[in-house]
Amino acid sequence: MFTRALTRRYPALSNRNFRLLLADRLLAPAAAAFSLVGVAFAVLAATGSTADLSFVIAAQAAPSLVFLLVGGVFADRVPPQLVIVAANVMVAVGEGLFGILVLTGHPALWVMIALEVLNGTGIALFYPASMALLPRLVPAEQMREASAISRLAMNAAMMAGAALAGECVAAFGPGWALAACGVGMLGTVPLLLAIRVRPLAQPGSVPAAGHLGATGQAAEHAPSMIRELREGWSEFRSHTWLWATVLQYTVVLAAWCGGFQVLGPAVARAHLGGPAAWGLISAAEATGLIVGGLIALRWMPRRPILYVVLIGAVIAVAPLSLAMLLPLAVICVTSFGLGVAVETMSVLWTVTMAAKIPPDKLARVSAYDGLGSSMGMPVGALVAGPLAARFGVPATQYGAAAITLLASALALIPRDVRRTRWCPAQTALPIEMLPDEALRAVPEPVLGVPALSERRSV
């Protein structure tokens, strides 16, 4: 009875493939939370150096500079869940071996860096495939609902995983946490392999039933990877709201990575009580993400891109709260609020991308989105440790907050960022996004917006 009522209220839950995806998005983030806590404290326990931690975190972020684009091309060519399988196996091997080495001794710095490169490669492959998979599992009219529910599952799992990981590291050490991450990631493989996704019909391609014509000749060759990357880049740069926001988050995430992800565990270790405290901060943020997902099921701001930019400015709170050495309870409340804001923004961004980018290019455009947003993270991670050693941890974190605010202010300059708003559309799409002046004056075909019948495939 309860299940029937739930599926009536949220039709996406009646979809078998979507339920399998939800199961994966419960297990994988819970496992990843053990990595987030385990890696930092494994490095600090082995070397005691924030500079060494910078190198390891940078090694995890650096593969995104290459493999996000590769993952985007593959996820547009093959079923994206298979790309996610490969990504999760890489994370399982990298973190599992890291955990075994920590349990059996003190791994050398270069070994930790190499294993985090493997882990980071898996993370880079995951993002564009994940963005491309959900729109292929549910109808367009269920996209916002499905996005919010799937992210709720991920964040609930991350909250529980972060709390358990902090206690695990405090009680048993980081090696066991990393080993648990590896086992959990391997557990996602059967779930992902059970998902069945129909292939996309590529424009101008030969139908599946006609790969060989009457003469027996082979169908037209697939386009080269370079050509596909160029097509994705052309689509990416044609949207001012997209590239301007991505540039903002290049700086914001670089500052966050250095000021919070690298220096945060050092502050927790020195002033807040160690890994258990860091696990509580991560759990508080994940709780906020859950609440944000519930809000996103019901509410969307009228000017979505402006909202995304403003939330980028709010991220300055993360390093700022640590720099001020606020009490642990206050930092947890701050992290909770930030989680609410970031999650509503993330759902909004996912739906915007699915609504505005052609489905056969979504993985590639998402790859450029992910690459641009994350390309500053290795730099932020590399410079945070040495800067903290020279100027002090609080000064470095104050600097990260200032850089975040400056980048967000500059992102408000383009008109498209400030003026783009939601417009209810009588189509299968849950929402549509058009500039104000276009809504008043320009016919749909001139804007290049798909006709009513075509929007159902977006």
Protein backbone atom coordinates (compact mmCIF):
# COMPACT_ATOMS: atom_id res chain seq x y z
CA MET A 1 0.00 0.00 0.00
CA PHE A 2 2.73 2.45 1.00
CA THR A 3 4.81 1.54 -2.05
CA ARG A 4 1.84 2.06 -4.36
CA ALA A 5 1.10 5.47 -2.85
CA LEU A 6 4.76 6.44 -3.13
CA THR A 7 4.97 5.55 -6.81
CA ARG A 8 1.74 7.44 -7.50
CA ARG A 9 3.21 10.52 -5.82
CA TYR A 10 6.62 10.09 -7.48
CA PRO A 11 6.13 8.23 -10.81
CA ALA A 12 9.89 7.95 -11.44
CA LEU A 13 10.05 5.33 -8.66
CA SER A 14 7.98 2.91 -10.76
CA ASN A 15 10.85 2.77 -13.27
CA ARG A 16 13.00 -0.36 -12.70
CA ASN A 17 16.14 1.20 -14.17
CA PHE A 18 15.73 4.26 -11.97
CA ARG A 19 15.36 2.09 -8.86
CA LEU A 20 18.61 0.30 -9.73
CA LEU A 21 20.29 3.67 -10.15
CA LEU A 22 18.99 4.72 -6.73
CA ALA A 23 20.49 1.59 -5.17
CA ASP A 24 23.84 2.45 -6.75
CA ARG A 25 23.55 6.03 -5.53
CA LEU A 26 23.04 4.81 -1.99
CA LEU A 27 26.03 2.48 -1.95
CA ALA A 28 28.64 4.42 -3.93
CA PRO A 29 28.45 7.75 -2.02
CA ALA A 30 28.51 5.94 1.32
CA ALA A 31 31.69 4.20 0.21
CA ALA A 32 33.16 7.44 -1.16
CA ALA A 33 32.62 9.15 2.21
CA PHE A 34 35.07 6.67 3.75
CA SER A 35 37.62 7.81 1.18
CA LEU A 36 37.08 11.51 1.93
CA VAL A 37 37.93 11.00 5.59
CA GLY A 38 40.40 8.13 5.21
CA VAL A 39 42.78 9.67 2.64
CA ALA A 40 43.37 12.92 4.54
CA PHE A 41 44.07 11.28 7.86
CA ALA A 42 46.14 8.48 6.30
CA VAL A 43 48.49 11.07 4.78
CA LEU A 44 48.62 13.19 7.94
CA ALA A 45 49.35 10.08 10.02
CA ALA A 46 52.10 8.94 7.65
CA THR A 47 53.86 12.28 7.08
CA GLY A 48 52.31 14.89 9.39
CA SER A 49 52.70 17.43 6.57
CA THR A 50 49.98 19.62 5.05
CA ALA A 51 52.27 20.09 2.03
CA ASP A 52 52.32 16.31 1.44
CA LEU A 53 48.53 16.26 1.82
CA SER A 54 48.39 18.97 -0.85
CA PHE A 55 50.33 16.74 -3.26
CA VAL A 56 48.04 13.76 -2.64
CA ILE A 57 44.81 15.75 -3.01
CA ALA A 58 46.19 17.40 -6.16
CA ALA A 59 46.99 13.95 -7.57
CA GLN A 60 43.35 13.00 -7.05
CA ALA A 61 42.09 16.12 -8.84
CA ALA A 62 44.66 16.26 -11.68
CA PRO A 63 43.25 13.42 -13.87
CA SER A 64 40.13 15.50 -14.48
CA LEU A 65 42.23 17.65 -16.82
CA VAL A 66 42.36 14.74 -19.27
CA PHE A 67 39.86 12.05 -18.44
CA LEU A 68 36.74 14.19 -18.06
CA LEU A 69 36.82 14.84 -21.81
CA VAL A 70 37.59 11.22 -22.64
CA GLY A 71 34.77 10.09 -20.36
CA GLY A 72 32.39 12.51 -22.05
CA VAL A 73 33.09 11.08 -25.49
CA PHE A 74 32.79 7.47 -24.30
CA ALA A 75 29.52 8.19 -22.45
CA ASP A 76 28.01 9.59 -25.67
CA ARG A 77 29.15 6.50 -27.61
CA VAL A 78 28.40 3.60 -25.23
CA PRO A 79 25.84 3.05 -22.46
CA PRO A 80 26.94 5.51 -19.75
CA GLN A 81 26.42 3.01 -16.94
CA LEU A 82 29.30 0.95 -18.37
CA VAL A 83 31.57 3.98 -18.09
CA ILE A 84 30.47 4.34 -14.46
CA VAL A 85 31.30 0.67 -13.85
CA ALA A 86 34.84 1.24 -15.11
CA ALA A 87 35.11 4.39 -12.98
CA ASN A 88 33.94 2.65 -9.81
CA VAL A 89 36.33 -0.25 -10.33
CA MET A 90 39.23 2.22 -10.61
CA VAL A 91 38.19 3.89 -7.34
CA ALA A 92 37.84 0.47 -5.68
CA VAL A 93 41.32 -0.62 -6.74
CA GLY A 94 42.97 2.70 -5.86
CA GLU A 95 41.42 3.14 -2.43
CA GLY A 96 41.44 -0.57 -1.60
CA LEU A 97 45.18 -0.88 -2.25
CA PHE A 98 45.78 2.36 -0.36
CA GLY A 99 43.95 0.90 2.65
CA ILE A 100 45.89 -2.38 2.51
CA LEU A 101 49.21 -0.53 2.37
CA VAL A 102 48.23 1.66 5.34
CA LEU A 103 47.22 -1.43 7.33
CA THR A 104 50.46 -3.26 6.57
CA GLY A 105 52.88 -0.34 6.98
CA HIS A 106 53.55 3.29 6.06
CA PRO A 107 53.24 3.76 2.28
CA ALA A 108 55.71 6.11 0.61
CA LEU A 109 54.45 9.48 -0.57
CA TRP A 110 54.90 8.60 -4.25
CA VAL A 111 52.80 5.43 -3.78
CA MET A 112 49.96 7.42 -2.19
CA ILE A 113 50.14 9.91 -5.05
CA ALA A 114 50.02 7.15 -7.68
CA LEU A 115 47.01 5.48 -6.08
CA GLU A 116 45.15 8.78 -5.86
CA VAL A 117 45.85 9.40 -9.55
CA LEU A 118 44.03 6.11 -10.26
CA ASN A 119 41.22 7.11 -7.90
CA GLY A 120 40.98 10.54 -9.53
CA THR A 121 40.79 8.99 -12.99
CA GLY A 122 37.74 7.03 -11.89
CA ILE A 123 36.13 10.16 -10.45
CA ALA A 124 36.80 12.05 -13.69
CA LEU A 125 35.21 9.33 -15.84
CA PHE A 126 32.19 9.19 -13.55
CA TYR A 127 30.93 12.78 -13.83
CA PRO A 128 29.96 13.11 -17.53
CA ALA A 129 28.58 9.57 -17.62
CA SER A 130 26.44 10.26 -14.56
CA MET A 131 25.07 13.47 -16.10
CA ALA A 132 24.19 11.61 -19.32
CA LEU A 133 22.63 8.53 -17.70
CA LEU A 134 19.68 9.95 -15.76
CA PRO A 135 17.96 11.71 -18.73
CA ARG A 136 18.07 8.39 -20.58
CA LEU A 137 16.28 6.52 -17.76
CA VAL A 138 13.26 8.75 -17.15
CA PRO A 139 10.88 10.80 -19.33
CA ALA A 140 11.60 14.52 -19.62
CA GLU A 141 8.59 15.48 -17.50
CA GLN A 142 10.03 13.45 -14.59
CA MET A 143 13.54 14.85 -14.87
CA ARG A 144 13.44 17.34 -12.00
CA GLU A 145 11.72 14.83 -9.72
CA ALA A 146 14.19 12.06 -10.61
CA SER A 147 17.19 14.35 -10.22
CA ALA A 148 16.08 15.53 -6.79
CA ILE A 149 15.27 11.98 -5.58
CA SER A 150 18.55 10.51 -6.84
CA ARG A 151 20.53 13.29 -5.21
CA LEU A 152 18.55 12.80 -1.99
CA ALA A 153 19.65 9.16 -2.00
CA MET A 154 23.27 10.13 -2.66
CA ASN A 155 23.32 12.74 0.09
CA ALA A 156 21.61 10.52 2.66
CA ALA A 157 24.22 7.85 1.95
CA MET A 158 27.02 10.41 2.15
CA MET A 159 25.72 11.71 5.49
CA ALA A 160 25.63 8.23 7.01
CA GLY A 161 28.95 7.30 5.42
CA ALA A 162 30.72 10.44 6.65
CA ALA A 163 29.57 9.92 10.24
CA LEU A 164 30.56 6.24 10.16
CA ALA A 165 33.87 7.02 8.46
CA GLY A 166 34.86 9.52 11.13
CA GLU A 167 34.15 7.01 13.86
CA CYS A 168 35.91 4.25 11.91
CA VAL A 169 39.07 6.31 11.47
CA ALA A 170 39.03 7.38 15.14
CA ALA A 171 38.48 3.82 16.40
CA PHE A 172 40.35 1.64 13.91
CA GLY A 173 42.51 3.92 11.77
CA PRO A 174 42.30 5.25 8.20
CA GLY A 175 43.41 1.97 6.61
CA TRP A 176 40.13 0.23 7.44
CA ALA A 177 38.13 3.19 6.15
CA LEU A 178 39.94 3.06 2.80
CA ALA A 179 39.45 -0.72 2.58
CA ALA A 180 35.72 -0.25 3.24
CA CYS A 181 35.58 2.27 0.38
CA GLY A 182 37.08 -0.29 -2.01
CA VAL A 183 34.63 -3.03 -1.02
CA GLY A 184 31.64 -0.70 -1.29
CA MET A 185 32.60 0.49 -4.77
CA LEU A 186 32.91 -3.07 -6.03
CA GLY A 187 29.42 -3.75 -4.68
CA THR A 188 27.95 -1.21 -7.12
CA VAL A 189 29.04 -3.15 -10.22
CA PRO A 190 26.16 -5.70 -10.33
CA LEU A 191 23.60 -2.91 -9.85
CA LEU A 192 24.94 -0.87 -12.74
CA LEU A 193 25.26 -3.87 -15.06
CA ALA A 194 21.56 -4.66 -14.49
CA ILE A 195 20.50 -1.26 -15.90
CA ARG A 196 19.25 -1.38 -19.49
CA VAL A 197 19.36 1.84 -21.54
CA ARG A 198 18.17 2.19 -25.11
CA PRO A 199 20.84 3.65 -27.42
CA LEU A 200 20.39 7.22 -28.56
CA ALA A 201 19.49 7.80 -32.18
CA GLN A 202 22.33 9.92 -33.54
CA PRO A 203 21.39 12.58 -36.09
CA GLY A 204 21.98 11.25 -39.57
CA SER A 205 23.02 7.83 -38.33
CA VAL A 206 21.92 4.52 -39.80
CA PRO A 207 19.20 2.76 -37.77
CA ALA A 208 20.26 -0.21 -35.67
CA ALA A 209 18.40 -2.64 -37.89
CA GLY A 210 20.22 -1.40 -40.94
CA HIS A 211 23.87 -1.52 -40.05
CA LEU A 212 24.33 -3.58 -43.20
CA GLY A 213 22.42 -2.56 -46.31
CA ALA A 214 21.16 -4.79 -49.09
CA THR A 215 24.59 -4.83 -50.60
CA GLY A 216 26.14 -5.99 -47.35
CA GLN A 217 28.34 -2.90 -47.05
CA ALA A 218 29.20 -1.64 -43.57
CA ALA A 219 27.48 1.42 -42.16
CA GLU A 220 29.12 4.78 -42.00
CA HIS A 221 32.10 4.98 -39.64
CA ALA A 222 31.63 6.69 -36.29
CA PRO A 223 33.11 10.20 -36.10
CA SER A 224 36.58 10.60 -34.62
CA MET A 225 37.09 11.54 -31.00
CA ILE A 226 38.58 14.90 -32.01
CA ARG A 227 35.52 15.73 -34.10
CA GLU A 228 33.19 14.76 -31.26
CA LEU A 229 35.17 16.90 -28.82
CA ARG A 230 34.94 19.84 -31.22
CA GLU A 231 31.18 19.40 -31.48
CA GLY A 232 30.91 19.36 -27.70
CA TRP A 233 33.10 22.46 -27.40
CA SER A 234 31.02 24.31 -30.01
CA GLU A 235 27.85 23.56 -28.06
CA PHE A 236 29.48 24.53 -24.76
CA ARG A 237 30.76 27.92 -25.87
CA SER A 238 27.49 28.84 -27.59
CA HIS A 239 25.83 29.33 -24.17
CA THR A 240 27.12 32.43 -22.36
CA TRP A 241 25.37 31.50 -19.11
CA LEU A 242 27.16 28.14 -19.19
CA TRP A 243 30.77 29.14 -19.80
CA ALA A 244 30.58 32.22 -17.56
CA THR A 245 29.33 30.15 -14.62
CA VAL A 246 31.88 27.43 -15.26
CA LEU A 247 34.69 30.01 -15.18
CA GLN A 248 33.40 31.25 -11.85
CA TYR A 249 33.43 27.76 -10.37
CA THR A 250 36.95 27.14 -11.69
CA VAL A 251 38.13 29.71 -9.16
CA VAL A 252 35.56 28.91 -6.45
CA LEU A 253 36.38 25.19 -6.37
CA ALA A 254 40.12 25.88 -6.46
CA ALA A 255 39.76 28.07 -3.36
CA TRP A 256 37.44 25.55 -1.69
CA CYS A 257 39.76 22.63 -2.41
CA GLY A 258 42.75 24.38 -0.90
CA GLY A 259 41.08 26.23 1.95
CA PHE A 260 38.66 23.53 3.04
CA GLN A 261 39.49 20.10 1.65
CA VAL A 262 43.25 20.31 2.23
CA LEU A 263 43.49 22.57 5.28
CA GLY A 264 40.22 21.51 6.91
CA PRO A 265 41.49 18.17 8.25
CA ALA A 266 44.57 19.94 9.64
CA VAL A 267 42.32 22.39 11.54
CA ALA A 268 40.14 19.51 12.77
CA ARG A 269 43.19 17.60 13.95
CA ALA A 270 44.76 20.57 15.76
CA HIS A 271 41.71 22.33 17.23
CA LEU A 272 38.44 20.41 16.88
CA GLY A 273 39.10 16.86 18.06
CA GLY A 274 40.51 14.99 15.07
CA PRO A 275 38.87 12.68 12.52
CA ALA A 276 35.62 12.25 14.47
CA ALA A 277 35.08 16.02 14.34
CA TRP A 278 35.83 16.11 10.62
CA GLY A 279 33.34 13.28 10.12
CA LEU A 280 30.69 15.29 11.98
CA ILE A 281 31.32 18.35 9.79
CA SER A 282 30.98 16.21 6.66
CA ALA A 283 27.82 14.58 8.04
CA ALA A 284 26.29 17.98 8.84
CA GLU A 285 26.92 19.14 5.28
CA ALA A 286 25.42 15.92 3.92
CA THR A 287 22.34 16.43 6.11
CA GLY A 288 21.98 19.88 4.59
CA LEU A 289 22.23 18.34 1.14
CA ILE A 290 19.29 16.06 1.99
CA VAL A 291 17.17 18.99 3.15
CA GLY A 292 18.18 20.92 0.03
CA GLY A 293 17.05 18.02 -2.13
CA LEU A 294 13.64 18.01 -0.44
CA ILE A 295 13.32 21.74 -1.07
CA ALA A 296 14.34 21.27 -4.72
CA LEU A 297 11.42 18.86 -5.21
CA ARG A 298 9.03 21.77 -4.63
CA TRP A 299 10.83 25.03 -5.40
CA MET A 300 12.91 26.58 -8.15
CA PRO A 301 14.08 30.21 -8.27
CA ARG A 302 12.84 32.45 -11.10
CA ARG A 303 16.37 33.36 -12.18
CA PRO A 304 18.27 30.07 -11.98
CA ILE A 305 21.70 31.08 -13.27
CA LEU A 306 21.80 34.10 -10.98
CA TYR A 307 21.00 31.74 -8.12
CA VAL A 308 23.83 29.39 -9.14
CA VAL A 309 26.31 32.29 -9.15
CA LEU A 310 25.16 33.57 -5.76
CA ILE A 311 25.52 30.12 -4.21
CA GLY A 312 29.09 30.11 -5.52
CA ALA A 313 29.70 33.18 -3.36
CA VAL A 314 28.13 31.45 -0.35
CA ILE A 315 30.77 28.67 -0.60
CA ALA A 316 33.22 31.20 0.92
CA VAL A 317 31.60 30.27 4.25
CA ALA A 318 33.39 26.88 4.23
CA PRO A 319 37.02 28.07 4.63
CA LEU A 320 35.89 31.17 6.57
CA SER A 321 34.27 29.19 9.39
CA LEU A 322 37.48 27.21 9.88
CA ALA A 323 39.74 30.25 9.67
CA MET A 324 37.75 31.91 12.48
CA LEU A 325 38.12 28.74 14.62
CA LEU A 326 34.43 28.75 15.44
CA PRO A 327 33.15 26.09 17.90
CA LEU A 328 32.54 22.69 16.34
CA ALA A 329 28.77 22.98 16.79
CA VAL A 330 28.72 26.32 14.95
CA ILE A 331 30.85 24.94 12.11
CA CYS A 332 28.44 22.00 11.80
CA VAL A 333 25.44 24.38 11.61
CA THR A 334 27.27 26.45 8.98
CA SER A 335 28.07 23.30 6.99
CA PHE A 336 24.43 22.23 7.19
CA GLY A 337 23.25 25.56 5.77
CA LEU A 338 25.85 25.43 3.03
CA GLY A 339 24.70 21.93 2.14
CA VAL A 340 21.10 23.13 1.74
CA ALA A 341 22.20 25.93 -0.59
CA VAL A 342 24.58 23.81 -2.66
CA GLU A 343 22.07 21.00 -3.17
CA THR A 344 19.26 23.23 -4.44
CA MET A 345 21.82 24.73 -6.82
CA SER A 346 23.03 21.29 -7.96
CA VAL A 347 19.55 20.00 -8.78
CA LEU A 348 18.82 23.22 -10.62
CA TRP A 349 22.03 22.92 -12.64
CA THR A 350 21.35 19.28 -13.56
CA VAL A 351 17.85 20.07 -14.81
CA THR A 352 19.08 23.15 -16.69
CA MET A 353 21.72 21.13 -18.51
CA ALA A 354 19.24 18.38 -19.41
CA ALA A 355 16.72 20.94 -20.67
CA LYS A 356 19.06 23.10 -22.72
CA ILE A 357 21.70 20.72 -24.14
CA PRO A 358 20.86 18.18 -26.91
CA PRO A 359 20.85 14.66 -25.42
CA ASP A 360 23.42 13.32 -27.89
CA LYS A 361 25.88 16.02 -26.74
CA LEU A 362 25.02 16.15 -23.05
CA ALA A 363 27.89 13.95 -21.84
CA ARG A 364 30.48 15.90 -23.86
CA VAL A 365 29.15 19.30 -22.75
CA SER A 366 29.01 18.01 -19.17
CA ALA A 367 32.64 16.95 -19.57
CA TYR A 368 33.62 20.50 -20.50
CA ASP A 369 31.51 21.73 -17.58
CA GLY A 370 33.24 19.33 -15.21
CA LEU A 371 36.69 20.05 -16.65
CA GLY A 372 36.29 23.80 -16.43
CA SER A 373 34.85 23.68 -12.94
CA SER A 374 37.48 21.32 -11.55
CA MET A 375 40.62 22.33 -13.46
CA GLY A 376 41.59 24.80 -10.73
CA MET A 377 41.31 22.22 -7.95
CA PRO A 378 44.79 20.68 -8.43
CA VAL A 379 46.25 24.20 -8.32
CA GLY A 380 44.30 25.04 -5.18
CA ALA A 381 45.39 21.81 -3.55
CA LEU A 382 49.06 22.26 -4.51
CA VAL A 383 49.41 25.82 -3.28
CA ALA A 384 47.35 25.56 -0.08
CA GLY A 385 49.87 23.52 1.91
CA PRO A 386 52.96 25.61 1.08
CA LEU A 387 51.02 28.87 1.59
CA ALA A 388 49.77 27.64 4.95
CA ALA A 389 53.31 26.71 5.96
CA ARG A 390 54.52 30.22 5.06
CA PHE A 391 51.64 32.47 6.13
CA GLY A 392 49.65 30.25 8.48
CA VAL A 393 46.49 28.20 8.02
CA PRO A 394 43.99 30.94 9.00
CA ALA A 395 45.51 33.53 6.64
CA THR A 396 45.39 31.05 3.75
CA GLN A 397 41.75 30.25 4.47
CA TYR A 398 40.81 33.95 4.66
CA GLY A 399 42.48 34.37 1.28
CA ALA A 400 40.47 31.47 -0.16
CA ALA A 401 37.23 33.10 1.04
CA ALA A 402 38.19 36.45 -0.52
CA ILE A 403 39.04 34.85 -3.88
CA THR A 404 35.68 33.04 -3.86
CA LEU A 405 33.76 36.29 -3.36
CA LEU A 406 35.75 38.12 -6.05
CA ALA A 407 35.19 35.41 -8.69
CA SER A 408 31.46 35.35 -7.91
CA ALA A 409 31.18 39.13 -8.28
CA LEU A 410 32.88 39.00 -11.70
CA ALA A 411 30.52 36.22 -12.84
CA LEU A 412 27.58 38.63 -12.48
CA ILE A 413 28.86 40.83 -15.33
CA PRO A 414 27.36 38.91 -18.33
CA ARG A 415 23.74 39.90 -18.98
CA ASP A 416 22.65 36.31 -19.64
CA VAL A 417 23.69 35.32 -16.12
CA ARG A 418 21.60 38.07 -14.52
CA ARG A 419 18.56 38.08 -16.82
CA THR A 420 17.90 34.45 -17.72
CA ARG A 421 14.77 33.16 -15.99
CA TRP A 422 12.46 30.19 -15.94
CA CYS A 423 9.39 30.22 -18.14
CA PRO A 424 6.66 27.57 -17.79
CA ALA A 425 6.43 25.75 -21.10
CA GLN A 426 3.51 23.68 -22.32
CA THR A 427 5.74 20.80 -23.32
CA ALA A 428 6.96 17.53 -21.89
CA LEU A 429 9.82 19.39 -20.25
CA PRO A 430 9.22 20.26 -16.60
CA ILE A 431 10.65 23.75 -17.13
CA GLU A 432 12.20 25.80 -19.89
CA MET A 433 14.72 28.58 -19.70
CA LEU A 434 14.72 31.65 -21.94
CA PRO A 435 16.04 35.21 -21.66
CA ASP A 436 13.44 37.84 -20.68
CA GLU A 437 13.63 39.72 -23.94
CA ALA A 438 13.23 36.52 -25.97
CA LEU A 439 10.05 35.66 -24.12
CA ARG A 440 8.59 38.99 -25.13
CA ALA A 441 9.75 39.42 -28.68
CA VAL A 442 11.40 36.52 -30.45
CA PRO A 443 9.59 33.55 -32.04
CA GLU A 444 10.76 30.08 -30.98
CA PRO A 445 12.39 29.06 -34.29
CA VAL A 446 14.58 32.18 -34.31
CA LEU A 447 15.91 31.30 -30.85
CA GLY A 448 16.76 27.80 -31.96
CA VAL A 449 14.50 26.31 -29.28
CA PRO A 450 13.19 22.90 -30.36
CA ALA A 451 9.67 22.77 -31.67
CA LEU A 452 6.98 21.32 -29.43
CA SER A 453 7.31 17.81 -30.82
CA GLU A 454 11.10 17.89 -30.64
CA ARG A 455 11.32 18.98 -27.00
CA ARG A 456 10.16 15.59 -25.80
CA SER A 457 13.57 14.16 -26.63
CA VAL A 458 15.55 16.84 -24.74
